[in-house]
């Protein structure tokens, strides 16, 4: 197994891009433009406004919030 394999929320990114047809950077920008908001509010926005499944929406939001903390 390769050491460079994505882990955590980023492991969902290839399937998110394939299923929803947009690059992850687009989704991350969308989440950042919707801030400040709580984690679950951002997840709900992706689900309601863009038809994203809960796991995919949660992965994007978790990754963005973790990235922005550092």
Protein backbone atom coordinates (compact mmCIF):
# COMPACT_ATOMS: atom_id res chain seq x y z
CA UNK A 1 0.00 0.00 0.00
CA UNK A 2 1.31 3.46 -0.92
CA UNK A 3 2.17 5.92 1.83
CA UNK A 4 0.83 8.86 -0.19
CA UNK A 5 -2.75 7.61 -0.15
CA UNK A 6 -5.23 10.21 1.14
CA UNK A 7 -6.51 9.69 4.66
CA UNK A 8 -9.38 11.15 6.65
CA UNK A 9 -11.83 13.47 4.91
CA UNK A 10 -9.55 13.84 1.86
CA UNK A 11 -10.03 10.15 1.09
CA UNK A 12 -13.55 11.06 -0.12
CA UNK A 13 -12.34 13.70 -2.60
CA UNK A 14 -11.94 11.51 -5.72
CA UNK A 15 -15.46 10.11 -5.36
CA UNK A 16 -16.89 13.58 -4.64
CA UNK A 17 -15.32 14.98 -7.82
CA UNK A 18 -16.56 12.02 -9.85
CA UNK A 19 -20.11 12.07 -8.46
CA UNK A 20 -20.74 15.85 -8.48
CA UNK A 21 -18.57 16.86 -11.46
CA UNK A 22 -16.75 19.74 -9.80
CA UNK A 23 -13.20 19.97 -8.47
CA UNK A 24 -12.75 19.88 -4.70
CA UNK A 25 -11.34 23.41 -4.79
CA UNK A 26 -14.75 24.65 -6.00
CA UNK A 27 -16.52 22.99 -3.07
CA UNK A 28 -13.94 24.30 -0.61
CA UNK A 29 -14.35 27.84 -1.96
CA UNK A 30 -18.13 27.53 -1.65
CA UNK A 31 -17.82 26.47 1.98
CA UNK A 32 -15.39 29.31 2.74
CA UNK A 33 -17.74 31.87 1.14
CA UNK A 34 -20.54 30.59 3.41
CA UNK A 35 -18.52 31.20 6.57
CA UNK A 36 -18.81 32.07 9.34
CA UNK A 37 -21.23 29.29 10.05
CA UNK A 38 -21.30 26.21 12.23
CA UNK A 39 -20.07 22.88 10.92
CA UNK A 40 -23.52 21.33 10.61
CA UNK A 41 -24.96 24.49 9.01
CA UNK A 42 -22.34 24.20 6.28
CA UNK A 43 -23.07 20.48 5.85
CA UNK A 44 -26.80 21.26 5.60
CA UNK A 45 -26.13 23.93 2.95
CA UNK A 46 -24.20 21.48 0.76
CA UNK A 47 -26.90 18.86 1.17
CA UNK A 48 -29.89 21.17 0.63
CA UNK A 49 -28.52 23.54 -2.02
CA UNK A 50 -26.32 21.11 -3.97
CA UNK A 51 -27.84 17.67 -3.38
CA UNK A 52 -24.71 16.33 -1.74
CA UNK A 53 -24.86 13.27 0.50
CA UNK A 54 -24.15 13.69 4.20
CA UNK A 55 -20.79 11.88 4.21
CA UNK A 56 -19.44 13.83 1.27
CA UNK A 57 -20.66 17.18 2.63
CA UNK A 58 -19.24 16.41 6.06
CA UNK A 59 -15.86 15.44 4.57
CA UNK A 60 -15.53 18.73 2.68
CA UNK A 61 -16.58 20.86 5.64
CA UNK A 62 -14.33 18.98 8.09
CA UNK A 63 -11.35 19.36 5.76
CA UNK A 64 -11.93 23.09 5.20
CA UNK A 65 -12.37 23.82 8.89
CA UNK A 66 -9.27 21.80 9.80
CA UNK A 67 -7.22 23.53 7.10
CA UNK A 68 -8.34 26.97 8.19
CA UNK A 69 -7.36 26.28 11.82
CA UNK A 70 -3.71 25.80 10.90
